[in-house]
Amino acid sequence: MVTRITAEFEGPESAEMALKKIRENVSGVYSTNFVYNRDSNKAEKLRGATIYTILPTAVTSQNYLTAVLESPASKDVIPEPSRSRKTTVFIVCDGSGTNKISSILTSMGGNNIYTPLT
């Protein structure tokens, strides 16, 4: 009997580590995959960056820039829903190792683990 198990993690890094551990330690796993909001990577890249703002030129400046402002970038520039790195993992297995898979997911920080009743 083919079984599909799902769980949620705080970020793709921890989900990937959990899936690797499952593939290495549980037999009967057909496939593993995870999905997360890839736009959240933009917020992570903003850490320690600088935002440059170019002030518009005046009509009399002969196309020269009047000033450039710098300010530290923050991930707060991107709205909260887009910053969420919540990751959902999917495991398809033969059903014989569901208890072991659930244990690994829990120990690696998985939440909302769904294992169908057998």
PDB file of N, CA and C in Angstrom:
ATOM      1  N   MET A   1       0.839  -1.174   0.000  1.00  0.00           N
ATOM      2  CA  MET A   1       0.000   0.000   0.000  1.00  0.00           C
ATOM      3  C   MET A   1       0.891   1.248   0.000  1.00  0.00           C
ATOM      4  N   VAL A   2       0.650   2.145  -0.921  1.00  0.00           N
ATOM      5  CA  VAL A   2       1.433   3.375  -1.028  1.00  0.00           C
ATOM      6  C   VAL A   2       0.860   4.404  -0.056  1.00  0.00           C
ATOM      7  N   THR A   3       1.747   5.042   0.713  1.00  0.00           N
ATOM      8  CA  THR A   3       1.354   6.011   1.727  1.00  0.00           C
ATOM      9  C   THR A   3       2.054   7.335   1.463  1.00  0.00           C
ATOM     10  N   ARG A   4       1.331   8.425   1.657  1.00  0.00           N
ATOM     11  CA  ARG A   4       1.909   9.767   1.506  1.00  0.00           C
ATOM     12  C   ARG A   4       1.897  10.452   2.865  1.00  0.00           C
ATOM     13  N   ILE A   5       3.063  10.880   3.326  1.00  0.00           N
ATOM     14  CA  ILE A   5       3.222  11.551   4.617  1.00  0.00           C
ATOM     15  C   ILE A   5       3.634  12.991   4.345  1.00  0.00           C
ATOM     16  N   THR A   6       3.034  13.930   5.072  1.00  0.00           N
ATOM     17  CA  THR A   6       3.398  15.340   4.935  1.00  0.00           C
ATOM     18  C   THR A   6       3.772  15.903   6.304  1.00  0.00           C
ATOM     19  N   ALA A   7       4.596  16.951   6.289  1.00  0.00           N
ATOM     20  CA  ALA A   7       4.984  17.647   7.516  1.00  0.00           C
ATOM     21  C   ALA A   7       5.415  19.056   7.142  1.00  0.00           C
ATOM     22  N   GLU A   8       5.464  19.927   8.142  1.00  0.00           N
ATOM     23  CA  GLU A   8       5.894  21.312   7.930  1.00  0.00           C
ATOM     24  C   GLU A   8       7.151  21.589   8.746  1.00  0.00           C
ATOM     25  N   PHE A   9       8.034  22.397   8.163  1.00  0.00           N
ATOM     26  CA  PHE A   9       9.267  22.813   8.829  1.00  0.00           C
ATOM     27  C   PHE A   9       9.385  24.328   8.771  1.00  0.00           C
ATOM     28  N   GLU A  10      10.252  24.877   9.617  1.00  0.00           N
ATOM     29  CA  GLU A  10      10.466  26.326   9.669  1.00  0.00           C
ATOM     30  C   GLU A  10      11.184  26.858   8.432  1.00  0.00           C
ATOM     31  N   GLY A  11      12.017  26.034   7.821  1.00  0.00           N
ATOM     32  CA  GLY A  11      12.760  26.489   6.652  1.00  0.00           C
ATOM     33  C   GLY A  11      13.193  25.326   5.785  1.00  0.00           C
ATOM     34  N   PRO A  12      13.596  25.603   4.554  1.00  0.00           N
ATOM     35  CA  PRO A  12      13.965  24.532   3.637  1.00  0.00           C
ATOM     36  C   PRO A  12      15.226  23.780   4.046  1.00  0.00           C
ATOM     37  N   GLU A  13      16.119  24.437   4.775  1.00  0.00           N
ATOM     38  CA  GLU A  13      17.356  23.772   5.178  1.00  0.00           C
ATOM     39  C   GLU A  13      17.071  22.610   6.126  1.00  0.00           C
ATOM     40  N   SER A  14      16.243  22.844   7.137  1.00  0.00           N
ATOM     41  CA  SER A  14      15.917  21.771   8.083  1.00  0.00           C
ATOM     42  C   SER A  14      15.078  20.683   7.422  1.00  0.00           C
ATOM     43  N   ALA A  15      14.208  21.055   6.496  1.00  0.00           N
ATOM     44  CA  ALA A  15      13.403  20.064   5.779  1.00  0.00           C
ATOM     45  C   ALA A  15      14.298  19.171   4.929  1.00  0.00           C
ATOM     46  N   GLU A  16      15.268  19.766   4.273  1.00  0.00           N
ATOM     47  CA  GLU A  16      16.172  19.002   3.419  1.00  0.00           C
ATOM     48  C   GLU A  16      17.008  18.020   4.244  1.00  0.00           C
ATOM     49  N   MET A  17      17.449  18.444   5.424  1.00  0.00           N
ATOM     50  CA  MET A  17      18.221  17.550   6.288  1.00  0.00           C
ATOM     51  C   MET A  17      17.367  16.384   6.767  1.00  0.00           C
ATOM     52  N   ALA A  18      16.113  16.639   7.108  1.00  0.00           N
ATOM     53  CA  ALA A  18      15.217  15.574   7.556  1.00  0.00           C
ATOM     54  C   ALA A  18      14.955  14.575   6.443  1.00  0.00           C
ATOM     55  N   LEU A  19      14.722  15.060   5.236  1.00  0.00           N
ATOM     56  CA  LEU A  19      14.474  14.160   4.110  1.00  0.00           C
ATOM     57  C   LEU A  19      15.706  13.309   3.792  1.00  0.00           C
ATOM     58  N   LYS A  20      16.875  13.895   3.919  1.00  0.00           N
ATOM     59  CA  LYS A  20      18.110  13.143   3.687  1.00  0.00           C
ATOM     60  C   LYS A  20      18.239  12.015   4.700  1.00  0.00           C
ATOM     61  N   LYS A  21      17.944  12.326   5.960  1.00  0.00           N
ATOM     62  CA  LYS A  21      18.030  11.309   7.013  1.00  0.00           C
ATOM     63  C   LYS A  21      17.011  10.192   6.777  1.00  0.00           C
ATOM     64  N   ILE A  22      15.824  10.549   6.319  1.00  0.00           N
ATOM     65  CA  ILE A  22      14.800   9.538   6.027  1.00  0.00           C
ATOM     66  C   ILE A  22      15.241   8.637   4.874  1.00  0.00           C
ATOM     67  N   ARG A  23      15.767   9.228   3.808  1.00  0.00           N
ATOM     68  CA  ARG A  23      16.212   8.430   2.657  1.00  0.00           C
ATOM     69  C   ARG A  23      17.335   7.460   3.050  1.00  0.00           C
ATOM     70  N   GLU A  24      18.212   7.909   3.968  1.00  0.00           N
ATOM     71  CA  GLU A  24      19.342   7.073   4.370  1.00  0.00           C
ATOM     72  C   GLU A  24      18.960   5.974   5.353  1.00  0.00           C
ATOM     73  N   ASN A  25      17.916   6.178   6.171  1.00  0.00           N
ATOM     74  CA  ASN A  25      17.637   5.266   7.278  1.00  0.00           C
ATOM     75  C   ASN A  25      16.345   4.458   7.174  1.00  0.00           C
ATOM     76  N   VAL A  26      15.490   4.781   6.218  1.00  0.00           N
ATOM     77  CA  VAL A  26      14.210   4.082   6.123  1.00  0.00           C
ATOM     78  C   VAL A  26      14.123   3.404   4.757  1.00  0.00           C
ATOM     79  N   SER A  27      13.799   2.109   4.784  1.00  0.00           N
ATOM     80  CA  SER A  27      13.629   1.404   3.513  1.00  0.00           C
ATOM     81  C   SER A  27      12.170   1.533   3.074  1.00  0.00           C
ATOM     82  N   GLY A  28      11.935   1.416   1.792  1.00  0.00           N
ATOM     83  CA  GLY A  28      10.582   1.503   1.267  1.00  0.00           C
ATOM     84  C   GLY A  28      10.128   2.909   0.936  1.00  0.00           C
ATOM     85  N   VAL A  29      11.055   3.862   0.891  1.00  0.00           N
ATOM     86  CA  VAL A  29      10.712   5.244   0.530  1.00  0.00           C
ATOM     87  C   VAL A  29      10.849   5.377  -0.984  1.00  0.00           C
ATOM     88  N   TYR A  30       9.763   5.733  -1.641  1.00  0.00           N
ATOM     89  CA  TYR A  30       9.771   5.862  -3.103  1.00  0.00           C
ATOM     90  C   TYR A  30      10.250   7.237  -3.552  1.00  0.00           C
ATOM     91  N   SER A  31       9.742   8.284  -2.906  1.00  0.00           N
ATOM     92  CA  SER A  31      10.162   9.634  -3.302  1.00  0.00           C
ATOM     93  C   SER A  31       9.997  10.600  -2.128  1.00  0.00           C
ATOM     94  N   THR A  32      10.806  11.658  -2.175  1.00  0.00           N
ATOM     95  CA  THR A  32      10.720  12.742  -1.188  1.00  0.00           C
ATOM     96  C   THR A  32      10.801  14.052  -1.943  1.00  0.00           C
ATOM     97  N   ASN A  33      10.097  15.049  -1.427  1.00  0.00           N
ATOM     98  CA  ASN A  33      10.110  16.362  -2.067  1.00  0.00           C
ATOM     99  C   ASN A  33       9.702  17.399  -1.032  1.00  0.00           C
ATOM    100  N   PHE A  34      10.021  18.658  -1.288  1.00  0.00           N
ATOM    101  CA  PHE A  34       9.566  19.733  -0.417  1.00  0.00           C
ATOM    102  C   PHE A  34       9.244  20.961  -1.237  1.00  0.00           C
ATOM    103  N   VAL A  35       8.360  21.791  -0.683  1.00  0.00           N
ATOM    104  CA  VAL A  35       7.904  23.011  -1.354  1.00  0.00           C
ATOM    105  C   VAL A  35       7.970  24.146  -0.343  1.00  0.00           C
ATOM    106  N   TYR A  36       8.471  25.307  -0.796  1.00  0.00           N
ATOM    107  CA  TYR A  36       8.470  26.494   0.065  1.00  0.00           C
ATOM    108  C   TYR A  36       8.373  27.738  -0.804  1.00  0.00           C
ATOM    109  N   ASN A  37       8.134  28.856  -0.147  1.00  0.00           N
ATOM    110  CA  ASN A  37       7.984  30.140  -0.819  1.00  0.00           C
ATOM    111  C   ASN A  37       9.360  30.641  -1.244  1.00  0.00           C
ATOM    112  N   ARG A  38       9.675  30.547  -2.510  1.00  0.00           N
ATOM    113  CA  ARG A  38      11.000  30.942  -2.996  1.00  0.00           C
ATOM    114  C   ARG A  38      11.225  32.458  -2.950  1.00  0.00           C
ATOM    115  N   ASP A  39      10.158  33.249  -2.857  1.00  0.00           N
ATOM    116  CA  ASP A  39      10.323  34.699  -2.710  1.00  0.00           C
ATOM    117  C   ASP A  39      10.987  35.053  -1.389  1.00  0.00           C
ATOM    118  N   SER A  40      10.914  34.161  -0.408  1.00  0.00           N
ATOM    119  CA  SER A  40      11.528  34.436   0.890  1.00  0.00           C
ATOM    120  C   SER A  40      13.051  34.505   0.781  1.00  0.00           C
ATOM    121  N   ASN A  41      13.633  33.943  -0.267  1.00  0.00           N
ATOM    122  CA  ASN A  41      15.083  34.031  -0.453  1.00  0.00           C
ATOM    123  C   ASN A  41      15.531  35.474  -0.636  1.00  0.00           C
ATOM    124  N   LYS A  42      14.680  36.308  -1.242  1.00  0.00           N
ATOM    125  CA  LYS A  42      15.026  37.719  -1.437  1.00  0.00           C
ATOM    126  C   LYS A  42      15.201  38.418  -0.095  1.00  0.00           C
ATOM    127  N   ALA A  43      14.338  38.106   0.871  1.00  0.00           N
ATOM    128  CA  ALA A  43      14.450  38.707   2.200  1.00  0.00           C
ATOM    129  C   ALA A  43      15.729  38.256   2.889  1.00  0.00           C
ATOM    130  N   GLU A  44      16.119  37.001   2.713  1.00  0.00           N
ATOM    131  CA  GLU A  44      17.357  36.507   3.314  1.00  0.00           C
ATOM    132  C   GLU A  44      18.580  37.194   2.712  1.00  0.00           C
ATOM    133  N   LYS A  45      18.550  37.494   1.420  1.00  0.00           N
ATOM    134  CA  LYS A  45      19.682  38.123   0.752  1.00  0.00           C
ATOM    135  C   LYS A  45      19.857  39.584   1.168  1.00  0.00           C
ATOM    136  N   LEU A  46      18.808  40.210   1.714  1.00  0.00           N
ATOM    137  CA  LEU A  46      18.896  41.616   2.097  1.00  0.00           C
ATOM    138  C   LEU A  46      19.688  41.848   3.384  1.00  0.00           C
ATOM    139  N   ARG A  47      19.954  40.812   4.136  1.00  0.00           N
ATOM    140  CA  ARG A  47      20.702  40.986   5.386  1.00  0.00           C
ATOM    141  C   ARG A  47      22.067  41.601   5.110  1.00  0.00           C
ATOM    142  N   GLY A  48      22.383  42.695   5.774  1.00  0.00           N
ATOM    143  CA  GLY A  48      23.672  43.345   5.636  1.00  0.00           C
ATOM    144  C   GLY A  48      23.867  44.121   4.349  1.00  0.00           C
ATOM    145  N   ALA A  49      22.842  44.263   3.549  1.00  0.00           N
ATOM    146  CA  ALA A  49      22.969  44.986   2.279  1.00  0.00           C
ATOM    147  C   ALA A  49      22.694  46.477   2.484  1.00  0.00           C
ATOM    148  N   THR A  50      22.862  47.251   1.421  1.00  0.00           N
ATOM    149  CA  THR A  50      22.627  48.690   1.458  1.00  0.00           C
ATOM    150  C   THR A  50      21.676  49.054   0.328  1.00  0.00           C
ATOM    151  N   ILE A  51      20.753  49.949   0.631  1.00  0.00           N
ATOM    152  CA  ILE A  51      19.820  50.459  -0.377  1.00  0.00           C
ATOM    153  C   ILE A  51      20.305  51.838  -0.801  1.00  0.00           C
ATOM    154  N   TYR A  52      20.420  52.042  -2.097  1.00  0.00           N
ATOM    155  CA  TYR A  52      20.829  53.339  -2.635  1.00  0.00           C
ATOM    156  C   TYR A  52      19.611  54.037  -3.230  1.00  0.00           C
ATOM    157  N   THR A  53      19.426  55.276  -2.864  1.00  0.00           N
ATOM    158  CA  THR A  53      18.325  56.067  -3.398  1.00  0.00           C
ATOM    159  C   THR A  53      18.920  57.254  -4.154  1.00  0.00           C
ATOM    160  N   ILE A  54      18.575  57.396  -5.406  1.00  0.00           N
ATOM    161  CA  ILE A  54      19.071  58.517  -6.216  1.00  0.00           C
ATOM    162  C   ILE A  54      17.982  59.575  -6.243  1.00  0.00           C
ATOM    163  N   LEU A  55      18.329  60.742  -5.768  1.00  0.00           N
ATOM    164  CA  LEU A  55      17.370  61.836  -5.778  1.00  0.00           C
ATOM    165  C   LEU A  55      17.225  62.373  -7.195  1.00  0.00           C
ATOM    166  N   PRO A  56      16.048  62.784  -7.579  1.00  0.00           N
ATOM    167  CA  PRO A  56      15.850  63.274  -8.954  1.00  0.00           C
ATOM    168  C   PRO A  56      16.657  64.547  -9.211  1.00  0.00           C
ATOM    169  N   THR A  57      16.989  64.728 -10.462  1.00  0.00           N
ATOM    170  CA  THR A  57      17.774  65.909 -10.832  1.00  0.00           C
ATOM    171  C   THR A  57      16.874  67.133 -10.935  1.00  0.00           C
ATOM    172  N   ALA A  58      17.491  68.288 -10.751  1.00  0.00           N
ATOM    173  CA  ALA A  58      16.766  69.546 -10.932  1.00  0.00           C
ATOM    174  C   ALA A  58      16.852  69.941 -12.406  1.00  0.00           C
ATOM    175  N   VAL A  59      15.935  70.724 -12.872  1.00  0.00           N
ATOM    176  CA  VAL A  59      15.898  71.132 -14.273  1.00  0.00           C
ATOM    177  C   VAL A  59      17.164  71.886 -14.654  1.00  0.00           C
ATOM    178  N   THR A  60      17.728  72.617 -13.714  1.00  0.00           N
ATOM    179  CA  THR A  60      18.902  73.441 -14.029  1.00  0.00           C
ATOM    180  C   THR A  60      20.216  72.686 -13.841  1.00  0.00           C
ATOM    181  N   SER A  61      20.182  71.423 -13.512  1.00  0.00           N
ATOM    182  CA  SER A  61      21.434  70.724 -13.197  1.00  0.00           C
ATOM    183  C   SER A  61      22.112  70.109 -14.411  1.00  0.00           C
ATOM    184  N   GLN A  62      21.564  70.299 -15.599  1.00  0.00           N
ATOM    185  CA  GLN A  62      22.195  69.829 -16.828  1.00  0.00           C
ATOM    186  C   GLN A  62      22.405  68.307 -16.808  1.00  0.00           C
ATOM    187  N   ASN A  63      21.396  67.574 -16.316  1.00  0.00           N
ATOM    188  CA  ASN A  63      21.405  66.110 -16.271  1.00  0.00           C
ATOM    189  C   ASN A  63      22.440  65.507 -15.316  1.00  0.00           C
ATOM    190  N   TYR A  64      22.856  66.261 -14.327  1.00  0.00           N
ATOM    191  CA  TYR A  64      23.734  65.711 -13.300  1.00  0.00           C
ATOM    192  C   TYR A  64      22.868  65.307 -12.106  1.00  0.00           C
ATOM    193  N   LEU A  65      23.298  64.250 -11.418  1.00  0.00           N
ATOM    194  CA  LEU A  65      22.564  63.826 -10.229  1.00  0.00           C
ATOM    195  C   LEU A  65      22.818  64.817  -9.100  1.00  0.00           C
ATOM    196  N   THR A  66      21.785  65.099  -8.333  1.00  0.00           N
ATOM    197  CA  THR A  66      21.956  66.049  -7.241  1.00  0.00           C
ATOM    198  C   THR A  66      22.448  65.380  -5.970  1.00  0.00           C
ATOM    199  N   ALA A  67      22.061  64.134  -5.711  1.00  0.00           N
ATOM    200  CA  ALA A  67      22.524  63.464  -4.496  1.00  0.00           C
ATOM    201  C   ALA A  67      22.176  61.977  -4.557  1.00  0.00           C
ATOM    202  N   VAL A  68      22.944  61.207  -3.828  1.00  0.00           N
ATOM    203  CA  VAL A  68      22.669  59.774  -3.659  1.00  0.00           C
ATOM    204  C   VAL A  68      22.634  59.501  -2.165  1.00  0.00           C
ATOM    205  N   LEU A  69      21.560  58.885  -1.711  1.00  0.00           N
ATOM    206  CA  LEU A  69      21.426  58.542  -0.298  1.00  0.00           C
ATOM    207  C   LEU A  69      21.643  57.046  -0.115  1.00  0.00           C
ATOM    208  N   GLU A  70      22.278  56.682   0.996  1.00  0.00           N
ATOM    209  CA  GLU A  70      22.460  55.275   1.345  1.00  0.00           C
ATOM    210  C   GLU A  70      21.720  54.993   2.634  1.00  0.00           C
ATOM    211  N   SER A  71      21.128  53.819   2.726  1.00  0.00           N
ATOM    212  CA  SER A  71      20.511  53.392   3.978  1.00  0.00           C
ATOM    213  C   SER A  71      20.668  51.885   4.093  1.00  0.00           C
ATOM    214  N   PRO A  72      20.824  51.390   5.321  1.00  0.00           N
ATOM    215  CA  PRO A  72      20.969  49.944   5.471  1.00  0.00           C
ATOM    216  C   PRO A  72      19.686  49.227   5.071  1.00  0.00           C
ATOM    217  N   ALA A  73      19.831  48.118   4.394  1.00  0.00           N
ATOM    218  CA  ALA A  73      18.665  47.335   3.973  1.00  0.00           C
ATOM    219  C   ALA A  73      18.213  46.450   5.123  1.00  0.00           C
ATOM    220  N   SER A  74      16.961  46.165   5.141  1.00  0.00           N
ATOM    221  CA  SER A  74      16.379  45.292   6.147  1.00  0.00           C
ATOM    222  C   SER A  74      15.400  44.368   5.452  1.00  0.00           C
ATOM    223  N   LYS A  75      15.261  43.179   6.002  1.00  0.00           N
ATOM    224  CA  LYS A  75      14.296  42.263   5.402  1.00  0.00           C
ATOM    225  C   LYS A  75      12.870  42.740   5.621  1.00  0.00           C
ATOM    226  N   ASP A  76      12.669  43.776   6.452  1.00  0.00           N
ATOM    227  CA  ASP A  76      11.334  44.337   6.674  1.00  0.00           C
ATOM    228  C   ASP A  76      10.789  45.034   5.431  1.00  0.00           C
ATOM    229  N   VAL A  77      11.638  45.284   4.435  1.00  0.00           N
ATOM    230  CA  VAL A  77      11.202  45.907   3.191  1.00  0.00           C
ATOM    231  C   VAL A  77      10.200  44.993   2.480  1.00  0.00           C
ATOM    232  N   ILE A  78      10.389  43.690   2.645  1.00  0.00           N
ATOM    233  CA  ILE A  78       9.499  42.703   2.033  1.00  0.00           C
ATOM    234  C   ILE A  78       8.402  42.365   3.043  1.00  0.00           C
ATOM    235  N   PRO A  79       7.125  42.418   2.659  1.00  0.00           N
ATOM    236  CA  PRO A  79       6.024  42.158   3.597  1.00  0.00           C
ATOM    237  C   PRO A  79       6.107  40.758   4.214  1.00  0.00           C
ATOM    238  N   GLU A  80       5.562  40.624   5.412  1.00  0.00           N
ATOM    239  CA  GLU A  80       5.662  39.391   6.190  1.00  0.00           C
ATOM    240  C   GLU A  80       5.236  38.122   5.450  1.00  0.00           C
ATOM    241  N   PRO A  81       4.100  38.075   4.776  1.00  0.00           N
ATOM    242  CA  PRO A  81       3.743  36.799   4.125  1.00  0.00           C
ATOM    243  C   PRO A  81       4.783  36.338   3.106  1.00  0.00           C
ATOM    244  N   SER A  82       5.450  37.261   2.478  1.00  0.00           N
ATOM    245  CA  SER A  82       6.463  36.894   1.491  1.00  0.00           C
ATOM    246  C   SER A  82       7.770  36.463   2.142  1.00  0.00           C
ATOM    247  N   ARG A  83       7.961  36.778   3.429  1.00  0.00           N
ATOM    248  CA  ARG A  83       9.181  36.397   4.135  1.00  0.00           C
ATOM    249  C   ARG A  83       9.092  35.014   4.753  1.00  0.00           C
ATOM    250  N   SER A  84       7.907  34.444   4.816  1.00  0.00           N
ATOM    251  CA  SER A  84       7.715  33.143   5.453  1.00  0.00           C
ATOM    252  C   SER A  84       8.502  32.069   4.722  1.00  0.00           C
ATOM    253  N   ARG A  85       9.285  31.323   5.463  1.00  0.00           N
ATOM    254  CA  ARG A  85      10.079  30.247   4.878  1.00  0.00           C
ATOM    255  C   ARG A  85       9.498  28.879   5.236  1.00  0.00           C
ATOM    256  N   LYS A  86       8.222  28.860   5.627  1.00  0.00           N
ATOM    257  CA  LYS A  86       7.573  27.602   5.979  1.00  0.00           C
ATOM    258  C   LYS A  86       7.683  26.631   4.810  1.00  0.00           C
ATOM    259  N   THR A  87       8.114  25.425   5.124  1.00  0.00           N
ATOM    260  CA  THR A  87       8.372  24.417   4.105  1.00  0.00           C
ATOM    261  C   THR A  87       7.511  23.194   4.378  1.00  0.00           C
ATOM    262  N   THR A  88       6.875  22.686   3.348  1.00  0.00           N
ATOM    263  CA  THR A  88       6.078  21.468   3.459  1.00  0.00           C
ATOM    264  C   THR A  88       6.810  20.342   2.750  1.00  0.00           C
ATOM    265  N   VAL A  89       6.992  19.221   3.459  1.00  0.00           N
ATOM    266  CA  VAL A  89       7.664  18.058   2.875  1.00  0.00           C
ATOM    267  C   VAL A  89       6.637  16.990   2.534  1.00  0.00           C
ATOM    268  N   PHE A  90       6.933  16.226   1.498  1.00  0.00           N
ATOM    269  CA  PHE A  90       6.077  15.131   1.042  1.00  0.00           C
ATOM    270  C   PHE A  90       6.938  13.878   0.921  1.00  0.00           C
ATOM    271  N   ILE A  91       6.487  12.804   1.527  1.00  0.00           N
ATOM    272  CA  ILE A  91       7.196  11.537   1.467  1.00  0.00           C
ATOM    273  C   ILE A  91       6.222  10.477   0.973  1.00  0.00           C
ATOM    274  N   VAL A  92       6.590   9.772  -0.071  1.00  0.00           N
ATOM    275  CA  VAL A  92       5.783   8.663  -0.580  1.00  0.00           C
ATOM    276  C   VAL A  92       6.547   7.383  -0.272  1.00  0.00           C
ATOM    277  N   CYS A  93       5.903   6.482   0.455  1.00  0.00           N
ATOM    278  CA  CYS A  93       6.567   5.252   0.873  1.00  0.00           C
ATOM    279  C   CYS A  93       5.599   4.072   0.769  1.00  0.00           C
ATOM    280  N   ASP A  94       6.111   2.890   1.089  1.00  0.00           N
ATOM    281  CA  ASP A  94       5.275   1.698   0.993  1.00  0.00           C
ATOM    282  C   ASP A  94       4.426   1.463   2.237  1.00  0.00           C
ATOM    283  N   GLY A  95       4.559   2.272   3.246  1.00  0.00           N
ATOM    284  CA  GLY A  95       3.719   2.172   4.438  1.00  0.00           C
ATOM    285  C   GLY A  95       4.328   1.370   5.566  1.00  0.00           C
ATOM    286  N   SER A  96       5.430   0.668   5.319  1.00  0.00           N
ATOM    287  CA  SER A  96       6.017  -0.162   6.369  1.00  0.00           C
ATOM    288  C   SER A  96       6.835   0.647   7.381  1.00  0.00           C
ATOM    289  N   GLY A  97       7.329   1.809   6.973  1.00  0.00           N
ATOM    290  CA  GLY A  97       8.182   2.594   7.870  1.00  0.00           C
ATOM    291  C   GLY A  97       7.558   3.897   8.328  1.00  0.00           C
ATOM    292  N   THR A  98       6.221   3.965   8.355  1.00  0.00           N
ATOM    293  CA  THR A  98       5.579   5.245   8.706  1.00  0.00           C
ATOM    294  C   THR A  98       5.906   5.693  10.120  1.00  0.00           C
ATOM    295  N   ASN A  99       5.999   4.753  11.065  1.00  0.00           N
ATOM    296  CA  ASN A  99       6.330   5.142  12.442  1.00  0.00           C
ATOM    297  C   ASN A  99       7.749   5.693  12.533  1.00  0.00           C
ATOM    298  N   LYS A 100       8.679   5.067  11.834  1.00  0.00           N
ATOM    299  CA  LYS A 100      10.069   5.533  11.844  1.00  0.00           C
ATOM    300  C   LYS A 100      10.180   6.897  11.159  1.00  0.00           C
ATOM    301  N   ILE A 101       9.453   7.075  10.059  1.00  0.00           N
ATOM    302  CA  ILE A 101       9.475   8.362   9.362  1.00  0.00           C
ATOM    303  C   ILE A 101       8.905   9.456  10.252  1.00  0.00           C
ATOM    304  N   SER A 102       7.785   9.185  10.923  1.00  0.00           N
ATOM    305  CA  SER A 102       7.188  10.168  11.829  1.00  0.00           C
ATOM    306  C   SER A 102       8.134  10.527  12.960  1.00  0.00           C
ATOM    307  N   SER A 103       8.857   9.532  13.480  1.00  0.00           N
ATOM    308  CA  SER A 103       9.820   9.791  14.549  1.00  0.00           C
ATOM    309  C   SER A 103      10.950  10.689  14.078  1.00  0.00           C
ATOM    310  N   ILE A 104      11.463  10.419  12.876  1.00  0.00           N
ATOM    311  CA  ILE A 104      12.548  11.244  12.335  1.00  0.00           C
ATOM    312  C   ILE A 104      12.061  12.666  12.084  1.00  0.00           C
ATOM    313  N   LEU A 105      10.868  12.809  11.507  1.00  0.00           N
ATOM    314  CA  LEU A 105      10.330  14.148  11.247  1.00  0.00           C
ATOM    315  C   LEU A 105      10.170  14.932  12.541  1.00  0.00           C
ATOM    316  N   THR A 106       9.662  14.278  13.588  1.00  0.00           N
ATOM    317  CA  THR A 106       9.481  14.947  14.881  1.00  0.00           C
ATOM    318  C   THR A 106      10.822  15.346  15.484  1.00  0.00           C
ATOM    319  N   SER A 107      11.793  14.433  15.447  1.00  0.00           N
ATOM    320  CA  SER A 107      13.096  14.720  16.056  1.00  0.00           C
ATOM    321  C   SER A 107      13.863  15.806  15.302  1.00  0.00           C
ATOM    322  N   MET A 108      13.563  15.976  14.013  1.00  0.00           N
ATOM    323  CA  MET A 108      14.264  16.992  13.212  1.00  0.00           C
ATOM    324  C   MET A 108      13.518  18.327  13.185  1.00  0.00           C
ATOM    325  N   GLY A 109      12.424  18.454  13.948  1.00  0.00           N
ATOM    326  CA  GLY A 109      11.725  19.735  14.049  1.00  0.00           C
ATOM    327  C   GLY A 109      10.477  19.857  13.206  1.00  0.00           C
ATOM    328  N   GLY A 110       9.952  18.760  12.717  1.00  0.00           N
ATOM    329  CA  GLY A 110       8.746  18.803  11.898  1.00  0.00           C
ATOM    330  C   GLY A 110       7.494  19.061  12.724  1.00  0.00           C
ATOM    331  N   ASN A 111       6.562  19.784  12.156  1.00  0.00           N
ATOM    332  CA  ASN A 111       5.278  20.090  12.794  1.00  0.00           C
ATOM    333  C   ASN A 111       4.156  19.622  11.878  1.00  0.00           C
ATOM    334  N   ASN A 112       2.951  19.531  12.435  1.00  0.00           N
ATOM    335  CA  ASN A 112       1.758  19.170  11.665  1.00  0.00           C
ATOM    336  C   ASN A 112       2.016  17.948  10.778  1.00  0.00           C
ATOM    337  N   ILE A 113       2.560  16.915  11.363  1.00  0.00           N
ATOM    338  CA  ILE A 113       2.867  15.690  10.618  1.00  0.00           C
ATOM    339  C   ILE A 113       1.562  14.949  10.355  1.00  0.00           C
ATOM    340  N   TYR A 114       1.325  14.645   9.093  1.00  0.00           N
ATOM    341  CA  TYR A 114       0.119  13.910   8.715  1.00  0.00           C
ATOM    342  C   TYR A 114       0.518  12.548   8.159  1.00  0.00           C
ATOM    343  N   THR A 115       0.087  11.521   8.870  1.00  0.00           N
ATOM    344  CA  THR A 115       0.273  10.149   8.424  1.00  0.00           C
ATOM    345  C   THR A 115      -1.104   9.529   8.296  1.00  0.00           C
ATOM    346  N   PRO A 116      -1.495   9.063   7.129  1.00  0.00           N
ATOM    347  CA  PRO A 116      -2.832   8.475   6.984  1.00  0.00           C
ATOM    348  C   PRO A 116      -2.981   7.230   7.864  1.00  0.00           C
ATOM    349  N   LEU A 117      -4.179   7.023   8.343  1.00  0.00           N
ATOM    350  CA  LEU A 117      -4.465   5.835   9.151  1.00  0.00           C
ATOM    351  C   LEU A 117      -4.413   4.600   8.284  1.00  0.00           C
ATOM    352  N   THR A 118      -3.834   3.545   8.808  1.00  0.00           N
ATOM    353  CA  THR A 118      -3.751   2.308   8.034  1.00  0.00           C
ATOM    354  C   THR A 118      -4.672   1.261   8.589  1.00  0.00           C
TER     355      THR A 118
END
